[in-house]
Amino acid sequence: MKGFLRFLKKLFGICAVIYGILFVVFYWDLDGKFMYYIWEPFMVKRFDNMKREDNTKIPYMKKDILEPREYTEIY
């Protein structure tokens, strides 16, 4: 019984720490700030430099015939 109570105490402590961390993250909107200041500029830098074909120069009837391109080249 003593071991079970010790286990419950540790489990409660771990849950309290996780709850506290999540409270801090969402109270100060740290997840949104991370997405806005770190993640979004990183993704914009990555995906704005990809080579892409200009879809406005492809005739409308030939759009389905073109072979798929690799969009992983960065220039």
PDB file of N, CA and C in Angstrom:
ATOM      1  N   MET A   1       0.831  -1.196   0.000  1.00  0.00           N
ATOM      2  CA  MET A   1       0.000   0.000   0.000  1.00  0.00           C
ATOM      3  C   MET A   1       0.871   1.254   0.000  1.00  0.00           C
ATOM      4  N   LYS A   2       2.008   1.185   0.734  1.00  0.00           N
ATOM      5  CA  LYS A   2       2.899   2.330   0.799  1.00  0.00           C
ATOM      6  C   LYS A   2       3.484   2.650  -0.582  1.00  0.00           C
ATOM      7  N   GLY A   3       3.838   1.591  -1.307  1.00  0.00           N
ATOM      8  CA  GLY A   3       4.386   1.773  -2.651  1.00  0.00           C
ATOM      9  C   GLY A   3       3.361   2.369  -3.605  1.00  0.00           C
ATOM     10  N   PHE A   4       2.118   1.942  -3.462  1.00  0.00           N
ATOM     11  CA  PHE A   4       1.055   2.462  -4.318  1.00  0.00           C
ATOM     12  C   PHE A   4       0.823   3.943  -4.050  1.00  0.00           C
ATOM     13  N   LEU A   5       0.842   4.352  -2.782  1.00  0.00           N
ATOM     14  CA  LEU A   5       0.661   5.764  -2.447  1.00  0.00           C
ATOM     15  C   LEU A   5       1.832   6.601  -2.952  1.00  0.00           C
ATOM     16  N   ARG A   6       3.035   6.057  -2.870  1.00  0.00           N
ATOM     17  CA  ARG A   6       4.210   6.755  -3.381  1.00  0.00           C
ATOM     18  C   ARG A   6       4.089   6.937  -4.906  1.00  0.00           C
ATOM     19  N   PHE A   7       3.599   5.897  -5.575  1.00  0.00           N
ATOM     20  CA  PHE A   7       3.386   5.975  -7.026  1.00  0.00           C
ATOM     21  C   PHE A   7       2.349   7.046  -7.360  1.00  0.00           C
ATOM     22  N   LEU A   8       1.243   7.077  -6.600  1.00  0.00           N
ATOM     23  CA  LEU A   8       0.212   8.090  -6.847  1.00  0.00           C
ATOM     24  C   LEU A   8       0.743   9.501  -6.608  1.00  0.00           C
ATOM     25  N   LYS A   9       1.583   9.658  -5.573  1.00  0.00           N
ATOM     26  CA  LYS A   9       2.159  10.963  -5.276  1.00  0.00           C
ATOM     27  C   LYS A   9       3.069  11.419  -6.424  1.00  0.00           C
ATOM     28  N   LYS A  10       3.892  10.508  -6.942  1.00  0.00           N
ATOM     29  CA  LYS A  10       4.764  10.851  -8.066  1.00  0.00           C
ATOM     30  C   LYS A  10       3.945  11.172  -9.313  1.00  0.00           C
ATOM     31  N   LEU A  11       2.915  10.376  -9.561  1.00  0.00           N
ATOM     32  CA  LEU A  11       2.054  10.606 -10.717  1.00  0.00           C
ATOM     33  C   LEU A  11       1.355  11.957 -10.608  1.00  0.00           C
ATOM     34  N   PHE A  12       0.851  12.286  -9.421  1.00  0.00           N
ATOM     35  CA  PHE A  12       0.202  13.575  -9.205  1.00  0.00           C
ATOM     36  C   PHE A  12       1.195  14.714  -9.394  1.00  0.00           C
ATOM     37  N   GLY A  13       2.415  14.544  -8.910  1.00  0.00           N
ATOM     38  CA  GLY A  13       3.444  15.576  -9.074  1.00  0.00           C
ATOM     39  C   GLY A  13       3.797  15.804 -10.534  1.00  0.00           C
ATOM     40  N   ILE A  14       3.941  14.721 -11.281  1.00  0.00           N
ATOM     41  CA  ILE A  14       4.254  14.838 -12.706  1.00  0.00           C
ATOM     42  C   ILE A  14       3.111  15.527 -13.446  1.00  0.00           C
ATOM     43  N   CYS A  15       1.887  15.145 -13.129  1.00  0.00           N
ATOM     44  CA  CYS A  15       0.720  15.772 -13.766  1.00  0.00           C
ATOM     45  C   CYS A  15       0.630  17.253 -13.409  1.00  0.00           C
ATOM     46  N   ALA A  16       0.953  17.608 -12.166  1.00  0.00           N
ATOM     47  CA  ALA A  16       0.915  19.009 -11.748  1.00  0.00           C
ATOM     48  C   ALA A  16       1.965  19.831 -12.495  1.00  0.00           C
ATOM     49  N   VAL A  17       3.155  19.267 -12.680  1.00  0.00           N
ATOM     50  CA  VAL A  17       4.207  19.975 -13.415  1.00  0.00           C
ATOM     51  C   VAL A  17       3.793  20.172 -14.875  1.00  0.00           C
ATOM     52  N   ILE A  18       3.259  19.142 -15.491  1.00  0.00           N
ATOM     53  CA  ILE A  18       2.809  19.251 -16.886  1.00  0.00           C
ATOM     54  C   ILE A  18       1.690  20.281 -17.005  1.00  0.00           C
ATOM     55  N   TYR A  19       0.747  20.264 -16.072  1.00  0.00           N
ATOM     56  CA  TYR A  19      -0.345  21.233 -16.085  1.00  0.00           C
ATOM     57  C   TYR A  19       0.202  22.651 -15.927  1.00  0.00           C
ATOM     58  N   GLY A  20       1.170  22.828 -15.042  1.00  0.00           N
ATOM     59  CA  GLY A  20       1.773  24.147 -14.843  1.00  0.00           C
ATOM     60  C   GLY A  20       2.475  24.650 -16.094  1.00  0.00           C
ATOM     61  N   ILE A  21       3.212  23.769 -16.751  1.00  0.00           N
ATOM     62  CA  ILE A  21       3.904  24.158 -17.983  1.00  0.00           C
ATOM     63  C   ILE A  21       2.894  24.546 -19.062  1.00  0.00           C
ATOM     64  N   LEU A  22       1.858  23.741 -19.227  1.00  0.00           N
ATOM     65  CA  LEU A  22       0.841  24.057 -20.232  1.00  0.00           C
ATOM     66  C   LEU A  22       0.101  25.354 -19.898  1.00  0.00           C
ATOM     67  N   PHE A  23      -0.144  25.605 -18.615  1.00  0.00           N
ATOM     68  CA  PHE A  23      -0.794  26.847 -18.206  1.00  0.00           C
ATOM     69  C   PHE A  23       0.058  28.050 -18.595  1.00  0.00           C
ATOM     70  N   VAL A  24       1.350  27.975 -18.308  1.00  0.00           N
ATOM     71  CA  VAL A  24       2.253  29.083 -18.642  1.00  0.00           C
ATOM     72  C   VAL A  24       2.299  29.295 -20.151  1.00  0.00           C
ATOM     73  N   VAL A  25       2.400  28.222 -20.910  1.00  0.00           N
ATOM     74  CA  VAL A  25       2.483  28.329 -22.372  1.00  0.00           C
ATOM     75  C   VAL A  25       1.234  28.999 -22.934  1.00  0.00           C
ATOM     76  N   PHE A  26       0.070  28.587 -22.506  1.00  0.00           N
ATOM     77  CA  PHE A  26      -1.157  29.132 -23.080  1.00  0.00           C
ATOM     78  C   PHE A  26      -1.560  30.465 -22.451  1.00  0.00           C
ATOM     79  N   TYR A  27      -1.182  30.733 -21.201  1.00  0.00           N
ATOM     80  CA  TYR A  27      -1.523  32.002 -20.564  1.00  0.00           C
ATOM     81  C   TYR A  27      -0.805  33.157 -21.254  1.00  0.00           C
ATOM     82  N   TRP A  28       0.475  32.976 -21.535  1.00  0.00           N
ATOM     83  CA  TRP A  28       1.250  34.010 -22.202  1.00  0.00           C
ATOM     84  C   TRP A  28       1.323  33.804 -23.713  1.00  0.00           C
ATOM     85  N   ASP A  29       0.534  32.910 -24.252  1.00  0.00           N
ATOM     86  CA  ASP A  29       0.446  32.659 -25.693  1.00  0.00           C
ATOM     87  C   ASP A  29       1.823  32.375 -26.294  1.00  0.00           C
ATOM     88  N   LEU A  30       2.611  31.583 -25.608  1.00  0.00           N
ATOM     89  CA  LEU A  30       3.952  31.275 -26.086  1.00  0.00           C
ATOM     90  C   LEU A  30       3.926  30.435 -27.353  1.00  0.00           C
ATOM     91  N   ASP A  31       2.892  29.626 -27.520  1.00  0.00           N
ATOM     92  CA  ASP A  31       2.803  28.829 -28.744  1.00  0.00           C
ATOM     93  C   ASP A  31       2.547  29.725 -29.953  1.00  0.00           C
ATOM     94  N   GLY A  32       1.692  30.719 -29.808  1.00  0.00           N
ATOM     95  CA  GLY A  32       1.428  31.646 -30.903  1.00  0.00           C
ATOM     96  C   GLY A  32       2.641  32.510 -31.223  1.00  0.00           C
ATOM     97  N   LYS A  33       3.351  32.940 -30.182  1.00  0.00           N
ATOM     98  CA  LYS A  33       4.555  33.742 -30.396  1.00  0.00           C
ATOM     99  C   LYS A  33       5.636  32.923 -31.084  1.00  0.00           C
ATOM    100  N   PHE A  34       5.746  31.667 -30.708  1.00  0.00           N
ATOM    101  CA  PHE A  34       6.707  30.783 -31.370  1.00  0.00           C
ATOM    102  C   PHE A  34       6.362  30.638 -32.846  1.00  0.00           C
ATOM    103  N   MET A  35       5.078  30.414 -33.135  1.00  0.00           N
ATOM    104  CA  MET A  35       4.664  30.240 -34.531  1.00  0.00           C
ATOM    105  C   MET A  35       4.898  31.525 -35.334  1.00  0.00           C
ATOM    106  N   TYR A  36       4.617  32.692 -34.737  1.00  0.00           N
ATOM    107  CA  TYR A  36       4.709  33.956 -35.463  1.00  0.00           C
ATOM    108  C   TYR A  36       6.152  34.410 -35.657  1.00  0.00           C
ATOM    109  N   TYR A  37       6.970  34.329 -34.605  1.00  0.00           N
ATOM    110  CA  TYR A  37       8.314  34.894 -34.667  1.00  0.00           C
ATOM    111  C   TYR A  37       9.387  33.910 -35.121  1.00  0.00           C
ATOM    112  N   ILE A  38       9.167  32.618 -34.965  1.00  0.00           N
ATOM    113  CA  ILE A  38      10.210  31.637 -35.287  1.00  0.00           C
ATOM    114  C   ILE A  38       9.781  30.728 -36.429  1.00  0.00           C
ATOM    115  N   TRP A  39       8.665  30.056 -36.287  1.00  0.00           N
ATOM    116  CA  TRP A  39       8.271  29.038 -37.266  1.00  0.00           C
ATOM    117  C   TRP A  39       7.877  29.647 -38.616  1.00  0.00           C
ATOM    118  N   GLU A  40       7.037  30.683 -38.604  1.00  0.00           N
ATOM    119  CA  GLU A  40       6.570  31.263 -39.868  1.00  0.00           C
ATOM    120  C   GLU A  40       7.703  31.866 -40.692  1.00  0.00           C
ATOM    121  N   PRO A  41       8.619  32.677 -40.119  1.00  0.00           N
ATOM    122  CA  PRO A  41       9.737  33.169 -40.941  1.00  0.00           C
ATOM    123  C   PRO A  41      10.614  32.045 -41.491  1.00  0.00           C
ATOM    124  N   PHE A  42      10.789  30.993 -40.713  1.00  0.00           N
ATOM    125  CA  PHE A  42      11.564  29.845 -41.185  1.00  0.00           C
ATOM    126  C   PHE A  42      10.878  29.188 -42.378  1.00  0.00           C
ATOM    127  N   MET A  43       9.570  29.012 -42.311  1.00  0.00           N
ATOM    128  CA  MET A  43       8.833  28.386 -43.404  1.00  0.00           C
ATOM    129  C   MET A  43       8.755  29.301 -44.628  1.00  0.00           C
ATOM    130  N   VAL A  44       8.594  30.605 -44.412  1.00  0.00           N
ATOM    131  CA  VAL A  44       8.562  31.544 -45.529  1.00  0.00           C
ATOM    132  C   VAL A  44       9.902  31.521 -46.254  1.00  0.00           C
ATOM    133  N   LYS A  45      10.984  31.531 -45.488  1.00  0.00           N
ATOM    134  CA  LYS A  45      12.315  31.484 -46.093  1.00  0.00           C
ATOM    135  C   LYS A  45      12.502  30.198 -46.887  1.00  0.00           C
ATOM    136  N   ARG A  46      12.006  29.110 -46.375  1.00  0.00           N
ATOM    137  CA  ARG A  46      12.174  27.809 -47.037  1.00  0.00           C
ATOM    138  C   ARG A  46      11.322  27.700 -48.299  1.00  0.00           C
ATOM    139  N   PHE A  47      10.057  28.021 -48.205  1.00  0.00           N
ATOM    140  CA  PHE A  47       9.147  27.766 -49.312  1.00  0.00           C
ATOM    141  C   PHE A  47       9.084  28.900 -50.330  1.00  0.00           C
ATOM    142  N   ASP A  48       9.512  30.115 -49.976  1.00  0.00           N
ATOM    143  CA  ASP A  48       9.536  31.187 -50.963  1.00  0.00           C
ATOM    144  C   ASP A  48      10.710  31.047 -51.922  1.00  0.00           C
ATOM    145  N   ASN A  49      11.720  30.259 -51.576  1.00  0.00           N
ATOM    146  CA  ASN A  49      12.884  30.078 -52.436  1.00  0.00           C
ATOM    147  C   ASN A  49      12.800  28.843 -53.311  1.00  0.00           C
ATOM    148  N   MET A  50      11.678  28.171 -53.344  1.00  0.00           N
ATOM    149  CA  MET A  50      11.544  26.977 -54.180  1.00  0.00           C
ATOM    150  C   MET A  50      11.363  27.361 -55.638  1.00  0.00           C
ATOM    151  N   LYS A  51      11.925  26.537 -56.508  1.00  0.00           N
ATOM    152  CA  LYS A  51      11.694  26.738 -57.934  1.00  0.00           C
ATOM    153  C   LYS A  51      10.285  26.251 -58.263  1.00  0.00           C
ATOM    154  N   ARG A  52       9.547  27.091 -58.962  1.00  0.00           N
ATOM    155  CA  ARG A  52       8.198  26.724 -59.379  1.00  0.00           C
ATOM    156  C   ARG A  52       7.995  27.176 -60.815  1.00  0.00           C
ATOM    157  N   GLU A  53       7.217  26.426 -61.534  1.00  0.00           N
ATOM    158  CA  GLU A  53       6.861  26.853 -62.882  1.00  0.00           C
ATOM    159  C   GLU A  53       5.818  27.953 -62.787  1.00  0.00           C
ATOM    160  N   ASP A  54       5.847  28.841 -63.750  1.00  0.00           N
ATOM    161  CA  ASP A  54       4.853  29.907 -63.802  1.00  0.00           C
ATOM    162  C   ASP A  54       3.589  29.342 -64.438  1.00  0.00           C
ATOM    163  N   ASN A  55       2.571  29.131 -63.650  1.00  0.00           N
ATOM    164  CA  ASN A  55       1.330  28.535 -64.145  1.00  0.00           C
ATOM    165  C   ASN A  55       0.559  29.449 -65.087  1.00  0.00           C
ATOM    166  N   THR A  56       0.872  30.725 -65.076  1.00  0.00           N
ATOM    167  CA  THR A  56       0.156  31.631 -65.972  1.00  0.00           C
ATOM    168  C   THR A  56       0.638  31.518 -67.412  1.00  0.00           C
ATOM    169  N   LYS A  57       1.789  30.893 -67.639  1.00  0.00           N
ATOM    170  CA  LYS A  57       2.330  30.763 -68.993  1.00  0.00           C
ATOM    171  C   LYS A  57       2.004  29.418 -69.631  1.00  0.00           C
ATOM    172  N   ILE A  58       1.308  28.546 -68.920  1.00  0.00           N
ATOM    173  CA  ILE A  58       0.929  27.244 -69.461  1.00  0.00           C
ATOM    174  C   ILE A  58      -0.462  27.368 -70.077  1.00  0.00           C
ATOM    175  N   PRO A  59      -0.622  26.923 -71.318  1.00  0.00           N
ATOM    176  CA  PRO A  59      -1.974  26.946 -71.894  1.00  0.00           C
ATOM    177  C   PRO A  59      -2.942  26.114 -71.046  1.00  0.00           C
ATOM    178  N   TYR A  60      -4.171  26.551 -70.990  1.00  0.00           N
ATOM    179  CA  TYR A  60      -5.148  25.934 -70.093  1.00  0.00           C
ATOM    180  C   TYR A  60      -5.359  24.454 -70.386  1.00  0.00           C
ATOM    181  N   MET A  61      -5.403  24.082 -71.638  1.00  0.00           N
ATOM    182  CA  MET A  61      -5.683  22.689 -71.994  1.00  0.00           C
ATOM    183  C   MET A  61      -4.498  21.761 -71.713  1.00  0.00           C
ATOM    184  N   LYS A  62      -3.301  22.297 -71.531  1.00  0.00           N
ATOM    185  CA  LYS A  62      -2.123  21.459 -71.328  1.00  0.00           C
ATOM    186  C   LYS A  62      -1.747  21.315 -69.852  1.00  0.00           C
ATOM    187  N   LYS A  63      -2.485  21.895 -68.961  1.00  0.00           N
ATOM    188  CA  LYS A  63      -2.125  21.844 -67.548  1.00  0.00           C
ATOM    189  C   LYS A  63      -2.160  20.428 -66.993  1.00  0.00           C
ATOM    190  N   ASP A  64      -3.084  19.605 -67.453  1.00  0.00           N
ATOM    191  CA  ASP A  64      -3.189  18.237 -66.941  1.00  0.00           C
ATOM    192  C   ASP A  64      -2.155  17.305 -67.556  1.00  0.00           C
ATOM    193  N   ILE A  65      -1.598  17.660 -68.699  1.00  0.00           N
ATOM    194  CA  ILE A  65      -0.671  16.785 -69.412  1.00  0.00           C
ATOM    195  C   ILE A  65       0.746  16.886 -68.855  1.00  0.00           C
ATOM    196  N   LEU A  66       1.101  18.003 -68.241  1.00  0.00           N
ATOM    197  CA  LEU A  66       2.468  18.208 -67.767  1.00  0.00           C
ATOM    198  C   LEU A  66       2.848  17.181 -66.713  1.00  0.00           C
ATOM    199  N   GLU A  67       4.094  16.757 -66.766  1.00  0.00           N
ATOM    200  CA  GLU A  67       4.577  15.796 -65.769  1.00  0.00           C
ATOM    201  C   GLU A  67       4.821  16.519 -64.449  1.00  0.00           C
ATOM    202  N   PRO A  68       4.643  15.834 -63.353  1.00  0.00           N
ATOM    203  CA  PRO A  68       4.878  16.476 -62.050  1.00  0.00           C
ATOM    204  C   PRO A  68       6.362  16.774 -61.851  1.00  0.00           C
ATOM    205  N   ARG A  69       6.656  17.882 -61.275  1.00  0.00           N
ATOM    206  CA  ARG A  69       8.033  18.312 -61.030  1.00  0.00           C
ATOM    207  C   ARG A  69       8.395  18.111 -59.562  1.00  0.00           C
ATOM    208  N   GLU A  70       9.684  18.033 -59.314  1.00  0.00           N
ATOM    209  CA  GLU A  70      10.175  18.005 -57.937  1.00  0.00           C
ATOM    210  C   GLU A  70      10.274  19.450 -57.463  1.00  0.00           C
ATOM    211  N   TYR A  71       9.663  19.758 -56.357  1.00  0.00           N
ATOM    212  CA  TYR A  71       9.698  21.116 -55.821  1.00  0.00           C
ATOM    213  C   TYR A  71      10.646  21.222 -54.638  1.00  0.00           C
ATOM    214  N   THR A  72      11.721  20.476 -54.674  1.00  0.00           N
ATOM    215  CA  THR A  72      12.642  20.500 -53.540  1.00  0.00           C
ATOM    216  C   THR A  72      13.914  21.268 -53.839  1.00  0.00           C
ATOM    217  N   GLU A  73      14.104  21.744 -55.068  1.00  0.00           N
ATOM    218  CA  GLU A  73      15.309  22.486 -55.405  1.00  0.00           C
ATOM    219  C   GLU A  73      15.178  23.913 -54.883  1.00  0.00           C
ATOM    220  N   ILE A  74      16.220  24.369 -54.224  1.00  0.00           N
ATOM    221  CA  ILE A  74      16.246  25.732 -53.704  1.00  0.00           C
ATOM    222  C   ILE A  74      17.305  26.499 -54.479  1.00  0.00           C
ATOM    223  N   TYR A  75      16.978  27.681 -54.903  1.00  0.00           N
ATOM    224  CA  TYR A  75      17.955  28.502 -55.624  1.00  0.00           C
ATOM    225  C   TYR A  75      18.189  29.792 -54.895  1.00  0.00           C
TER     226      TYR A  75
END
